[in-house]
Amino acid sequence: MADVSEQELVRLTRSGSLDAYGDLVRRHQNGVFGACYRVLGNREEAEDVTQEAFLRGYQRLHQYDAERPFGPWIRRVGANLALNRLAHNLAIHPPALELEEEVDWPEQAEPDPVHAAAEQLELQRRLQQALLELPAHYRGVIELRHFQEMNYQEIAAALRIPLSDVKSHLFRARRALARSLRDGP
């Protein structure tokens, strides 16, 4: 069903076709897994939550607006489930608070065109590693703001934390990422 539109696959699934939903899963499993992994930072947990997201998506397909793209909707389902798992994990193991400190932001030099692609790949690798090293509550706000493109109020509602905490967590997470990228491996 590679040439079938997402809207048609949703319509077929709502009519009882499990094959159509299987095609939707195949099309979006990497995106959902990526969203879950960025929040949780643990491959096994992200795989579990990804499966749960597609099960939940199937059960709640009647709530999905077929006029909108399916990918962002199912990734949001996965991210919300991952955040719930993260909140549960944080309730069991609360994070230690960090002390505030000043940060000197590094200056950006113009990349050498010959090495730009290799440098970009290395930066992406380092950024992914730095994201995984963030405390879980910082990873959560980074995921919602920069990957799920939620605004601050939506993040506060999703995480059930005050708006001031969202801003504080984002500031500290960005500062930690900048420090990690500046200091290198």
C-alpha atoms as a PDB file:
ATOM      1  CA  MET A   1       0.000   0.000   0.000  1.00  0.00           C
ATOM      2  CA  ALA A   2       2.965   2.274  -0.579  1.00  0.00           C
ATOM      3  CA  ASP A   3       1.074   4.509  -3.006  1.00  0.00           C
ATOM      4  CA  VAL A   4      -2.001   4.908  -0.777  1.00  0.00           C
ATOM      5  CA  SER A   5      -2.438   8.237   1.011  1.00  0.00           C
ATOM      6  CA  GLU A   6      -2.429   8.463   4.797  1.00  0.00           C
ATOM      7  CA  GLN A   7      -6.024   9.681   4.757  1.00  0.00           C
ATOM      8  CA  GLU A   8      -7.047   6.583   2.797  1.00  0.00           C
ATOM      9  CA  LEU A   9      -5.106   4.320   5.182  1.00  0.00           C
ATOM     10  CA  VAL A  10      -6.881   5.924   8.136  1.00  0.00           C
ATOM     11  CA  ARG A  11     -10.252   5.455   6.413  1.00  0.00           C
ATOM     12  CA  LEU A  12      -9.429   1.792   5.698  1.00  0.00           C
ATOM     13  CA  THR A  13      -8.272   1.252   9.286  1.00  0.00           C
ATOM     14  CA  ARG A  14     -11.463   2.793  10.642  1.00  0.00           C
ATOM     15  CA  SER A  15     -13.316   0.320   8.399  1.00  0.00           C
ATOM     16  CA  GLY A  16     -11.487  -2.580  10.048  1.00  0.00           C
ATOM     17  CA  SER A  17      -8.353  -3.107   7.931  1.00  0.00           C
ATOM     18  CA  LEU A  18      -5.430  -4.072  10.165  1.00  0.00           C
ATOM     19  CA  ASP A  19      -3.164  -4.156   7.100  1.00  0.00           C
ATOM     20  CA  ALA A  20      -3.834  -0.462   6.529  1.00  0.00           C
ATOM     21  CA  TYR A  21      -2.888   0.348  10.115  1.00  0.00           C
ATOM     22  CA  GLY A  22       0.213  -1.806   9.739  1.00  0.00           C
ATOM     23  CA  ASP A  23       1.226   0.389   6.821  1.00  0.00           C
ATOM     24  CA  LEU A  24       0.712   3.514   8.943  1.00  0.00           C
ATOM     25  CA  VAL A  25       2.881   1.959  11.653  1.00  0.00           C
ATOM     26  CA  ARG A  26       5.653   1.157   9.157  1.00  0.00           C
ATOM     27  CA  ARG A  27       5.570   4.700   7.788  1.00  0.00           C
ATOM     28  CA  HIS A  28       5.836   6.370  11.198  1.00  0.00           C
ATOM     29  CA  GLN A  29       7.561   3.971  13.592  1.00  0.00           C
ATOM     30  CA  ASN A  30      10.974   5.636  13.267  1.00  0.00           C
ATOM     31  CA  GLY A  31       9.564   9.102  13.957  1.00  0.00           C
ATOM     32  CA  VAL A  32       7.611   7.931  16.991  1.00  0.00           C
ATOM     33  CA  PHE A  33      10.596   5.981  18.306  1.00  0.00           C
ATOM     34  CA  GLY A  34      12.826   9.051  17.851  1.00  0.00           C
ATOM     35  CA  ALA A  35      10.445  11.266  19.826  1.00  0.00           C
ATOM     36  CA  CYS A  36      10.200   8.690  22.620  1.00  0.00           C
ATOM     37  CA  TYR A  37      13.946   8.097  22.708  1.00  0.00           C
ATOM     38  CA  ARG A  38      14.749  11.815  22.914  1.00  0.00           C
ATOM     39  CA  VAL A  39      12.492  12.106  25.960  1.00  0.00           C
ATOM     40  CA  LEU A  40      13.475   8.891  27.725  1.00  0.00           C
ATOM     41  CA  GLY A  41      17.100   8.441  26.655  1.00  0.00           C
ATOM     42  CA  ASN A  42      16.719   4.663  26.970  1.00  0.00           C
ATOM     43  CA  ARG A  43      16.315   2.435  23.918  1.00  0.00           C
ATOM     44  CA  GLU A  44      14.307  -0.329  25.583  1.00  0.00           C
ATOM     45  CA  GLU A  45      11.894   2.078  27.251  1.00  0.00           C
ATOM     46  CA  ALA A  46      11.512   4.017  23.997  1.00  0.00           C
ATOM     47  CA  GLU A  47      10.710   0.794  22.131  1.00  0.00           C
ATOM     48  CA  ASP A  48       8.075  -0.117  24.743  1.00  0.00           C
ATOM     49  CA  VAL A  49       6.504   3.322  24.630  1.00  0.00           C
ATOM     50  CA  THR A  50       6.557   3.317  20.815  1.00  0.00           C
ATOM     51  CA  GLN A  51       4.550   0.092  20.783  1.00  0.00           C
ATOM     52  CA  GLU A  52       2.185   1.522  23.372  1.00  0.00           C
ATOM     53  CA  ALA A  53       1.781   4.679  21.276  1.00  0.00           C
ATOM     54  CA  PHE A  54       0.680   2.743  18.208  1.00  0.00           C
ATOM     55  CA  LEU A  55      -1.710   0.641  20.280  1.00  0.00           C
ATOM     56  CA  ARG A  56      -3.145   3.791  21.851  1.00  0.00           C
ATOM     57  CA  GLY A  57      -3.303   5.431  18.417  1.00  0.00           C
ATOM     58  CA  TYR A  58      -5.307   2.508  17.070  1.00  0.00           C
ATOM     59  CA  GLN A  59      -7.678   2.578  20.035  1.00  0.00           C
ATOM     60  CA  ARG A  60      -8.199   6.326  19.677  1.00  0.00           C
ATOM     61  CA  LEU A  61      -8.188   6.615  15.907  1.00  0.00           C
ATOM     62  CA  HIS A  62     -11.755   7.913  16.119  1.00  0.00           C
ATOM     63  CA  GLN A  63     -10.322  11.051  17.806  1.00  0.00           C
ATOM     64  CA  TYR A  64      -7.859  11.720  14.988  1.00  0.00           C
ATOM     65  CA  ASP A  65      -8.797  14.468  12.493  1.00  0.00           C
ATOM     66  CA  ALA A  66      -8.167  12.807   9.117  1.00  0.00           C
ATOM     67  CA  GLU A  67      -7.811  16.223   7.458  1.00  0.00           C
ATOM     68  CA  ARG A  68      -4.496  16.711   9.264  1.00  0.00           C
ATOM     69  CA  PRO A  69      -1.251  14.760   8.767  1.00  0.00           C
ATOM     70  CA  PHE A  70      -1.102  11.503  10.717  1.00  0.00           C
ATOM     71  CA  GLY A  71       2.640  11.698  11.533  1.00  0.00           C
ATOM     72  CA  PRO A  72       2.574  14.669  13.916  1.00  0.00           C
ATOM     73  CA  TRP A  73      -0.514  13.263  15.664  1.00  0.00           C
ATOM     74  CA  ILE A  74       0.993   9.829  16.338  1.00  0.00           C
ATOM     75  CA  ARG A  75       4.362  11.373  17.335  1.00  0.00           C
ATOM     76  CA  ARG A  76       2.488  13.550  19.842  1.00  0.00           C
ATOM     77  CA  VAL A  77       0.779  10.424  21.225  1.00  0.00           C
ATOM     78  CA  GLY A  78       4.214   8.818  21.633  1.00  0.00           C
ATOM     79  CA  ALA A  79       5.792  11.919  23.156  1.00  0.00           C
ATOM     80  CA  ASN A  80       2.935  12.256  25.652  1.00  0.00           C
ATOM     81  CA  LEU A  81       3.275   8.618  26.683  1.00  0.00           C
ATOM     82  CA  ALA A  82       7.047   9.044  27.005  1.00  0.00           C
ATOM     83  CA  LEU A  83       6.535  12.133  29.158  1.00  0.00           C
ATOM     84  CA  ASN A  84       4.136  10.197  31.361  1.00  0.00           C
ATOM     85  CA  ARG A  85       6.738   7.443  31.738  1.00  0.00           C
ATOM     86  CA  LEU A  86       9.383  10.075  32.451  1.00  0.00           C
ATOM     87  CA  ALA A  87       7.180  11.707  35.102  1.00  0.00           C
ATOM     88  CA  HIS A  88       6.638   8.313  36.707  1.00  0.00           C
ATOM     89  CA  ASN A  89      10.393   7.633  36.683  1.00  0.00           C
ATOM     90  CA  LEU A  90      11.109  11.087  38.143  1.00  0.00           C
ATOM     91  CA  ALA A  91       8.581  10.507  40.922  1.00  0.00           C
ATOM     92  CA  ILE A  92      10.534   7.408  41.892  1.00  0.00           C
ATOM     93  CA  HIS A  93      13.986   9.008  41.442  1.00  0.00           C
ATOM     94  CA  PRO A  94      13.758  12.836  41.741  1.00  0.00           C
ATOM     95  CA  PRO A  95      16.633  14.805  40.137  1.00  0.00           C
ATOM     96  CA  ALA A  96      19.282  16.603  42.165  1.00  0.00           C
ATOM     97  CA  LEU A  97      19.225  20.387  41.735  1.00  0.00           C
ATOM     98  CA  GLU A  98      22.153  22.107  40.039  1.00  0.00           C
ATOM     99  CA  LEU A  99      23.843  25.316  41.112  1.00  0.00           C
ATOM    100  CA  GLU A 100      23.517  28.323  38.797  1.00  0.00           C
ATOM    101  CA  GLU A 101      26.603  29.513  36.956  1.00  0.00           C
ATOM    102  CA  GLU A 102      27.464  31.967  34.189  1.00  0.00           C
ATOM    103  CA  VAL A 103      28.003  30.661  30.681  1.00  0.00           C
ATOM    104  CA  ASP A 104      30.269  32.144  28.018  1.00  0.00           C
ATOM    105  CA  TRP A 105      28.718  31.279  24.669  1.00  0.00           C
ATOM    106  CA  PRO A 106      31.259  30.188  22.050  1.00  0.00           C
ATOM    107  CA  GLU A 107      31.755  32.288  18.931  1.00  0.00           C
ATOM    108  CA  GLN A 108      30.703  30.636  15.701  1.00  0.00           C
ATOM    109  CA  ALA A 109      33.287  30.546  12.922  1.00  0.00           C
ATOM    110  CA  GLU A 110      32.422  30.180   9.243  1.00  0.00           C
ATOM    111  CA  PRO A 111      32.764  26.512   8.301  1.00  0.00           C
ATOM    112  CA  ASP A 112      35.233  25.470   5.634  1.00  0.00           C
ATOM    113  CA  PRO A 113      33.052  24.371   2.691  1.00  0.00           C
ATOM    114  CA  VAL A 114      35.206  21.276   2.133  1.00  0.00           C
ATOM    115  CA  HIS A 115      34.658  20.027   5.691  1.00  0.00           C
ATOM    116  CA  ALA A 116      31.160  21.442   6.306  1.00  0.00           C
ATOM    117  CA  ALA A 117      29.302  18.154   5.795  1.00  0.00           C
ATOM    118  CA  ALA A 118      31.648  16.190   8.075  1.00  0.00           C
ATOM    119  CA  GLU A 119      31.492  18.909  10.718  1.00  0.00           C
ATOM    120  CA  GLN A 120      27.687  18.956  10.534  1.00  0.00           C
ATOM    121  CA  LEU A 121      27.537  15.179  11.081  1.00  0.00           C
ATOM    122  CA  GLU A 122      29.924  15.436  14.009  1.00  0.00           C
ATOM    123  CA  LEU A 123      27.887  18.264  15.522  1.00  0.00           C
ATOM    124  CA  GLN A 124      24.701  16.199  15.191  1.00  0.00           C
ATOM    125  CA  ARG A 125      26.393  13.248  16.892  1.00  0.00           C
ATOM    126  CA  ARG A 126      27.671  15.441  19.719  1.00  0.00           C
ATOM    127  CA  LEU A 127      24.285  17.115  20.119  1.00  0.00           C
ATOM    128  CA  GLN A 128      22.535  13.734  20.347  1.00  0.00           C
ATOM    129  CA  GLN A 129      25.061  12.596  22.954  1.00  0.00           C
ATOM    130  CA  ALA A 130      24.680  15.854  24.890  1.00  0.00           C
ATOM    131  CA  LEU A 131      20.868  15.451  24.831  1.00  0.00           C
ATOM    132  CA  LEU A 132      21.178  11.961  26.265  1.00  0.00           C
ATOM    133  CA  GLU A 133      23.406  13.238  29.067  1.00  0.00           C
ATOM    134  CA  LEU A 134      20.858  15.865  30.160  1.00  0.00           C
ATOM    135  CA  PRO A 135      18.755  15.113  33.227  1.00  0.00           C
ATOM    136  CA  ALA A 136      15.439  13.593  32.184  1.00  0.00           C
ATOM    137  CA  HIS A 137      13.345  16.653  33.117  1.00  0.00           C
ATOM    138  CA  TYR A 138      15.523  18.847  30.862  1.00  0.00           C
ATOM    139  CA  ARG A 139      15.317  16.358  27.970  1.00  0.00           C
ATOM    140  CA  GLY A 140      11.542  16.470  28.268  1.00  0.00           C
ATOM    141  CA  VAL A 141      11.253  20.236  27.832  1.00  0.00           C
ATOM    142  CA  ILE A 142      13.799  20.243  24.991  1.00  0.00           C
ATOM    143  CA  GLU A 143      11.851  17.504  23.199  1.00  0.00           C
ATOM    144  CA  LEU A 144       8.542  19.321  23.542  1.00  0.00           C
ATOM    145  CA  ARG A 145       9.861  22.765  22.599  1.00  0.00           C
ATOM    146  CA  HIS A 146      12.288  22.004  19.797  1.00  0.00           C
ATOM    147  CA  PHE A 147      11.113  18.680  18.356  1.00  0.00           C
ATOM    148  CA  GLN A 148       7.353  18.766  19.017  1.00  0.00           C
ATOM    149  CA  GLU A 149       7.251  22.583  18.582  1.00  0.00           C
ATOM    150  CA  MET A 150       5.014  23.200  21.592  1.00  0.00           C
ATOM    151  CA  ASN A 151       4.795  26.665  23.101  1.00  0.00           C
ATOM    152  CA  TYR A 152       5.654  27.300  26.746  1.00  0.00           C
ATOM    153  CA  GLN A 153       2.047  27.137  27.933  1.00  0.00           C
ATOM    154  CA  GLU A 154       1.489  23.804  26.156  1.00  0.00           C
ATOM    155  CA  ILE A 155       4.670  22.404  27.727  1.00  0.00           C
ATOM    156  CA  ALA A 156       3.581  23.537  31.191  1.00  0.00           C
ATOM    157  CA  ALA A 157       0.211  21.845  30.702  1.00  0.00           C
ATOM    158  CA  ALA A 158       1.727  18.641  29.283  1.00  0.00           C
ATOM    159  CA  LEU A 159       4.253  18.320  32.106  1.00  0.00           C
ATOM    160  CA  ARG A 160       1.918  19.704  34.777  1.00  0.00           C
ATOM    161  CA  ILE A 161       4.543  22.174  35.971  1.00  0.00           C
ATOM    162  CA  PRO A 162       4.436  25.968  36.373  1.00  0.00           C
ATOM    163  CA  LEU A 163       5.313  28.138  33.383  1.00  0.00           C
ATOM    164  CA  SER A 164       8.296  29.527  35.309  1.00  0.00           C
ATOM    165  CA  ASP A 165       9.687  25.981  35.653  1.00  0.00           C
ATOM    166  CA  VAL A 166       9.357  25.438  31.903  1.00  0.00           C
ATOM    167  CA  LYS A 167      11.370  28.594  31.232  1.00  0.00           C
ATOM    168  CA  SER A 168      13.935  27.699  33.879  1.00  0.00           C
ATOM    169  CA  HIS A 169      14.330  24.113  32.643  1.00  0.00           C
ATOM    170  CA  LEU A 170      14.716  25.280  29.041  1.00  0.00           C
ATOM    171  CA  PHE A 171      17.306  27.875  30.022  1.00  0.00           C
ATOM    172  CA  ARG A 172      19.327  25.369  32.036  1.00  0.00           C
ATOM    173  CA  ALA A 173      18.997  22.644  29.408  1.00  0.00           C
ATOM    174  CA  ARG A 174      20.175  24.961  26.641  1.00  0.00           C
ATOM    175  CA  ARG A 175      23.036  26.162  28.814  1.00  0.00           C
ATOM    176  CA  ALA A 176      24.086  22.570  29.535  1.00  0.00           C
ATOM    177  CA  LEU A 177      23.900  21.697  25.844  1.00  0.00           C
ATOM    178  CA  ALA A 178      25.981  24.740  24.908  1.00  0.00           C
ATOM    179  CA  ARG A 179      28.547  23.872  27.567  1.00  0.00           C
ATOM    180  CA  SER A 180      28.729  20.279  26.384  1.00  0.00           C
ATOM    181  CA  LEU A 181      29.142  21.317  22.758  1.00  0.00           C
ATOM    182  CA  ARG A 182      31.715  23.976  23.661  1.00  0.00           C
ATOM    183  CA  ASP A 183      33.795  21.655  25.836  1.00  0.00           C
ATOM    184  CA  GLY A 184      33.658  18.831  23.306  1.00  0.00           C
ATOM    185  CA  PRO A 185      34.044  15.106  23.825  1.00  0.00           C
END
